[in-house]
Amino acid sequence: MKRQRVGSSLVEDVQAEPREEVLPGLHSLPDAVRDSVVAAYQRALTPVFLYLVPLFAVGVVLALPLPEKELADT
């Protein structure tokens, strides 16, 4: 069994073409149209993640002072 590094696997996944189940019919489009569709998805999703990172950070900061409670036995 060949072992593969996680980092190199992630790089291959990022550089790979989008999967068919994500955008059905994408591979049947002409190259110029396909590139435009992929770029549109990229431009649309990037701000979503950029807004979620600060929200996640605020949530972590607000959760830090919460008291820890033991789980019930029953």
N, C-alpha and C. Protein backbone atom coordinates (compact mmCIF):
# COMPACT_ATOMS: atom_id res chain seq x y z
N MET A 1 0.84 -1.18 0.00
CA MET A 1 0.00 0.00 0.00
C MET A 1 0.89 1.24 0.00
N LYS A 2 0.65 2.11 -0.93
CA LYS A 2 1.46 3.31 -1.06
C LYS A 2 0.93 4.40 -0.14
N ARG A 3 1.83 4.99 0.64
CA ARG A 3 1.44 6.08 1.53
C ARG A 3 1.64 7.40 0.80
N GLN A 4 0.72 8.29 1.00
CA GLN A 4 0.79 9.59 0.34
C GLN A 4 0.66 10.68 1.40
N ARG A 5 1.41 11.73 1.21
CA ARG A 5 1.34 12.84 2.15
C ARG A 5 0.02 13.59 1.97
N VAL A 6 -0.52 14.06 3.08
CA VAL A 6 -1.79 14.78 3.04
C VAL A 6 -1.64 16.07 2.26
N GLY A 7 -0.55 16.78 2.45
CA GLY A 7 -0.34 18.06 1.76
C GLY A 7 -0.35 17.91 0.25
N SER A 8 0.34 16.91 -0.25
CA SER A 8 0.38 16.73 -1.70
C SER A 8 -0.99 16.31 -2.23
N SER A 9 -1.74 15.56 -1.44
CA SER A 9 -3.09 15.17 -1.84
C SER A 9 -4.00 16.38 -1.93
N LEU A 10 -3.87 17.29 -0.98
CA LEU A 10 -4.69 18.50 -0.99
C LEU A 10 -4.36 19.37 -2.19
N VAL A 11 -3.09 19.48 -2.51
CA VAL A 11 -2.68 20.28 -3.66
C VAL A 11 -3.26 19.69 -4.94
N GLU A 12 -3.23 18.37 -5.06
CA GLU A 12 -3.80 17.73 -6.24
C GLU A 12 -5.30 17.98 -6.32
N ASP A 13 -6.00 17.95 -5.19
CA ASP A 13 -7.44 18.19 -5.18
C ASP A 13 -7.76 19.62 -5.59
N VAL A 14 -6.96 20.57 -5.13
CA VAL A 14 -7.20 21.97 -5.45
C VAL A 14 -6.93 22.24 -6.93
N GLN A 15 -5.93 21.61 -7.48
CA GLN A 15 -5.57 21.85 -8.87
C GLN A 15 -6.41 21.03 -9.84
N ALA A 16 -7.18 20.08 -9.36
CA ALA A 16 -7.97 19.22 -10.23
C ALA A 16 -9.16 19.98 -10.80
N GLU A 17 -9.69 19.45 -11.88
CA GLU A 17 -10.89 20.03 -12.48
C GLU A 17 -12.07 19.83 -11.53
N PRO A 18 -13.08 20.71 -11.57
CA PRO A 18 -14.26 20.51 -10.73
C PRO A 18 -14.95 19.19 -11.06
N ARG A 19 -15.45 18.53 -10.05
CA ARG A 19 -16.12 17.25 -10.25
C ARG A 19 -17.48 17.45 -10.91
N GLU A 20 -17.91 16.47 -11.65
CA GLU A 20 -19.16 16.55 -12.40
C GLU A 20 -20.37 16.69 -11.47
N GLU A 21 -20.33 16.04 -10.29
CA GLU A 21 -21.49 16.11 -9.40
C GLU A 21 -21.67 17.48 -8.77
N VAL A 22 -20.62 18.29 -8.74
CA VAL A 22 -20.73 19.65 -8.20
C VAL A 22 -21.49 20.53 -9.18
N LEU A 23 -21.11 20.49 -10.43
CA LEU A 23 -21.75 21.28 -11.48
C LEU A 23 -22.07 20.35 -12.65
N PRO A 24 -23.25 19.74 -12.66
CA PRO A 24 -23.58 18.81 -13.74
C PRO A 24 -23.52 19.49 -15.11
N GLY A 25 -22.94 18.82 -16.08
CA GLY A 25 -22.86 19.36 -17.43
C GLY A 25 -21.72 20.32 -17.66
N LEU A 26 -20.90 20.54 -16.65
CA LEU A 26 -19.81 21.52 -16.77
C LEU A 26 -18.79 21.08 -17.81
N HIS A 27 -18.48 19.81 -17.84
CA HIS A 27 -17.45 19.34 -18.76
C HIS A 27 -17.90 19.33 -20.22
N SER A 28 -19.20 19.43 -20.43
CA SER A 28 -19.69 19.47 -21.81
C SER A 28 -19.68 20.87 -22.40
N LEU A 29 -19.41 21.89 -21.58
CA LEU A 29 -19.37 23.27 -22.06
C LEU A 29 -18.07 23.56 -22.79
N PRO A 30 -18.08 24.53 -23.69
CA PRO A 30 -16.82 24.95 -24.31
C PRO A 30 -15.86 25.50 -23.27
N ASP A 31 -14.57 25.46 -23.56
CA ASP A 31 -13.55 25.86 -22.59
C ASP A 31 -13.76 27.27 -22.06
N ALA A 32 -14.05 28.22 -22.93
CA ALA A 32 -14.22 29.61 -22.51
C ALA A 32 -15.40 29.77 -21.56
N VAL A 33 -16.50 29.09 -21.87
CA VAL A 33 -17.69 29.17 -21.02
C VAL A 33 -17.43 28.48 -19.69
N ARG A 34 -16.79 27.31 -19.75
CA ARG A 34 -16.48 26.57 -18.52
C ARG A 34 -15.59 27.39 -17.60
N ASP A 35 -14.57 28.04 -18.16
CA ASP A 35 -13.69 28.87 -17.35
C ASP A 35 -14.45 30.03 -16.72
N SER A 36 -15.39 30.60 -17.45
CA SER A 36 -16.20 31.70 -16.91
C SER A 36 -17.09 31.23 -15.76
N VAL A 37 -17.68 30.04 -15.91
CA VAL A 37 -18.54 29.50 -14.87
C VAL A 37 -17.73 29.19 -13.61
N VAL A 38 -16.58 28.57 -13.78
CA VAL A 38 -15.73 28.25 -12.63
C VAL A 38 -15.27 29.53 -11.94
N ALA A 39 -14.88 30.54 -12.71
CA ALA A 39 -14.45 31.82 -12.14
C ALA A 39 -15.60 32.50 -11.40
N ALA A 40 -16.82 32.40 -11.93
CA ALA A 40 -17.97 33.00 -11.26
C ALA A 40 -18.23 32.33 -9.91
N TYR A 41 -18.15 31.01 -9.87
CA TYR A 41 -18.32 30.30 -8.60
C TYR A 41 -17.22 30.70 -7.61
N GLN A 42 -16.01 30.81 -8.11
CA GLN A 42 -14.90 31.20 -7.24
C GLN A 42 -15.11 32.59 -6.68
N ARG A 43 -15.49 33.53 -7.53
CA ARG A 43 -15.71 34.91 -7.06
C ARG A 43 -16.89 34.99 -6.10
N ALA A 44 -17.89 34.13 -6.27
CA ALA A 44 -19.06 34.16 -5.41
C ALA A 44 -18.79 33.52 -4.05
N LEU A 45 -17.97 32.48 -4.00
CA LEU A 45 -17.75 31.75 -2.75
C LEU A 45 -16.64 32.34 -1.89
N THR A 46 -15.69 33.01 -2.49
CA THR A 46 -14.57 33.56 -1.71
C THR A 46 -15.05 34.53 -0.63
N PRO A 47 -15.93 35.49 -0.93
CA PRO A 47 -16.38 36.39 0.14
C PRO A 47 -17.12 35.67 1.26
N VAL A 48 -17.82 34.60 0.94
CA VAL A 48 -18.53 33.85 1.98
C VAL A 48 -17.54 33.35 3.02
N PHE A 49 -16.44 32.76 2.57
CA PHE A 49 -15.45 32.26 3.52
C PHE A 49 -14.74 33.40 4.23
N LEU A 50 -14.51 34.50 3.54
CA LEU A 50 -13.85 35.65 4.18
C LEU A 50 -14.72 36.26 5.27
N TYR A 51 -16.04 36.20 5.12
CA TYR A 51 -16.93 36.70 6.16
C TYR A 51 -17.07 35.70 7.30
N LEU A 52 -16.94 34.43 7.02
CA LEU A 52 -17.12 33.42 8.06
C LEU A 52 -15.92 33.31 9.00
N VAL A 53 -14.74 33.61 8.52
CA VAL A 53 -13.55 33.50 9.39
C VAL A 53 -13.64 34.46 10.58
N PRO A 54 -13.93 35.75 10.39
CA PRO A 54 -14.07 36.62 11.57
C PRO A 54 -15.24 36.22 12.47
N LEU A 55 -16.33 35.76 11.86
CA LEU A 55 -17.47 35.31 12.66
C LEU A 55 -17.07 34.12 13.52
N PHE A 56 -16.32 33.19 12.96
CA PHE A 56 -15.83 32.04 13.72
C PHE A 56 -14.93 32.51 14.87
N ALA A 57 -14.04 33.46 14.59
CA ALA A 57 -13.13 33.97 15.61
C ALA A 57 -13.91 34.63 16.76
N VAL A 58 -14.93 35.40 16.44
CA VAL A 58 -15.75 36.03 17.47
C VAL A 58 -16.46 34.95 18.30
N GLY A 59 -16.94 33.92 17.65
CA GLY A 59 -17.61 32.83 18.36
C GLY A 59 -16.67 32.11 19.32
N VAL A 60 -15.44 31.91 18.89
CA VAL A 60 -14.46 31.26 19.77
C VAL A 60 -14.16 32.14 20.97
N VAL A 61 -13.97 33.42 20.73
CA VAL A 61 -13.67 34.35 21.84
C VAL A 61 -14.83 34.40 22.82
N LEU A 62 -16.06 34.41 22.31
CA LEU A 62 -17.22 34.44 23.20
C LEU A 62 -17.41 33.12 23.94
N ALA A 63 -16.97 32.02 23.36
CA ALA A 63 -17.14 30.71 24.01
C ALA A 63 -16.07 30.43 25.06
N LEU A 64 -14.94 31.10 24.99
CA LEU A 64 -13.85 30.83 25.94
C LEU A 64 -14.25 31.05 27.41
N PRO A 65 -14.96 32.11 27.76
CA PRO A 65 -15.28 32.30 29.19
C PRO A 65 -16.45 31.45 29.68
N LEU A 66 -17.08 30.67 28.84
CA LEU A 66 -18.19 29.84 29.30
C LEU A 66 -17.69 28.80 30.30
N PRO A 67 -18.46 28.59 31.37
CA PRO A 67 -18.01 27.61 32.37
C PRO A 67 -18.15 26.18 31.84
N GLU A 68 -17.23 25.35 32.26
CA GLU A 68 -17.26 23.95 31.86
C GLU A 68 -18.14 23.16 32.82
N LYS A 69 -19.08 22.40 32.30
CA LYS A 69 -19.97 21.59 33.13
C LYS A 69 -19.70 20.13 32.85
N GLU A 70 -19.76 19.31 33.90
CA GLU A 70 -19.60 17.87 33.73
C GLU A 70 -20.85 17.28 33.13
N LEU A 71 -20.67 16.23 32.35
CA LEU A 71 -21.81 15.53 31.77
C LEU A 71 -22.51 14.71 32.84
N ALA A 72 -23.81 14.57 32.68
CA ALA A 72 -24.58 13.78 33.63
C ALA A 72 -24.27 12.29 33.44
N ASP A 73 -24.35 11.52 34.53
CA ASP A 73 -24.11 10.09 34.46
C ASP A 73 -25.29 9.34 33.86
N THR A 74 -26.48 9.86 34.01
CA THR A 74 -27.66 9.14 33.50
C THR A 74 -28.35 9.95 32.45
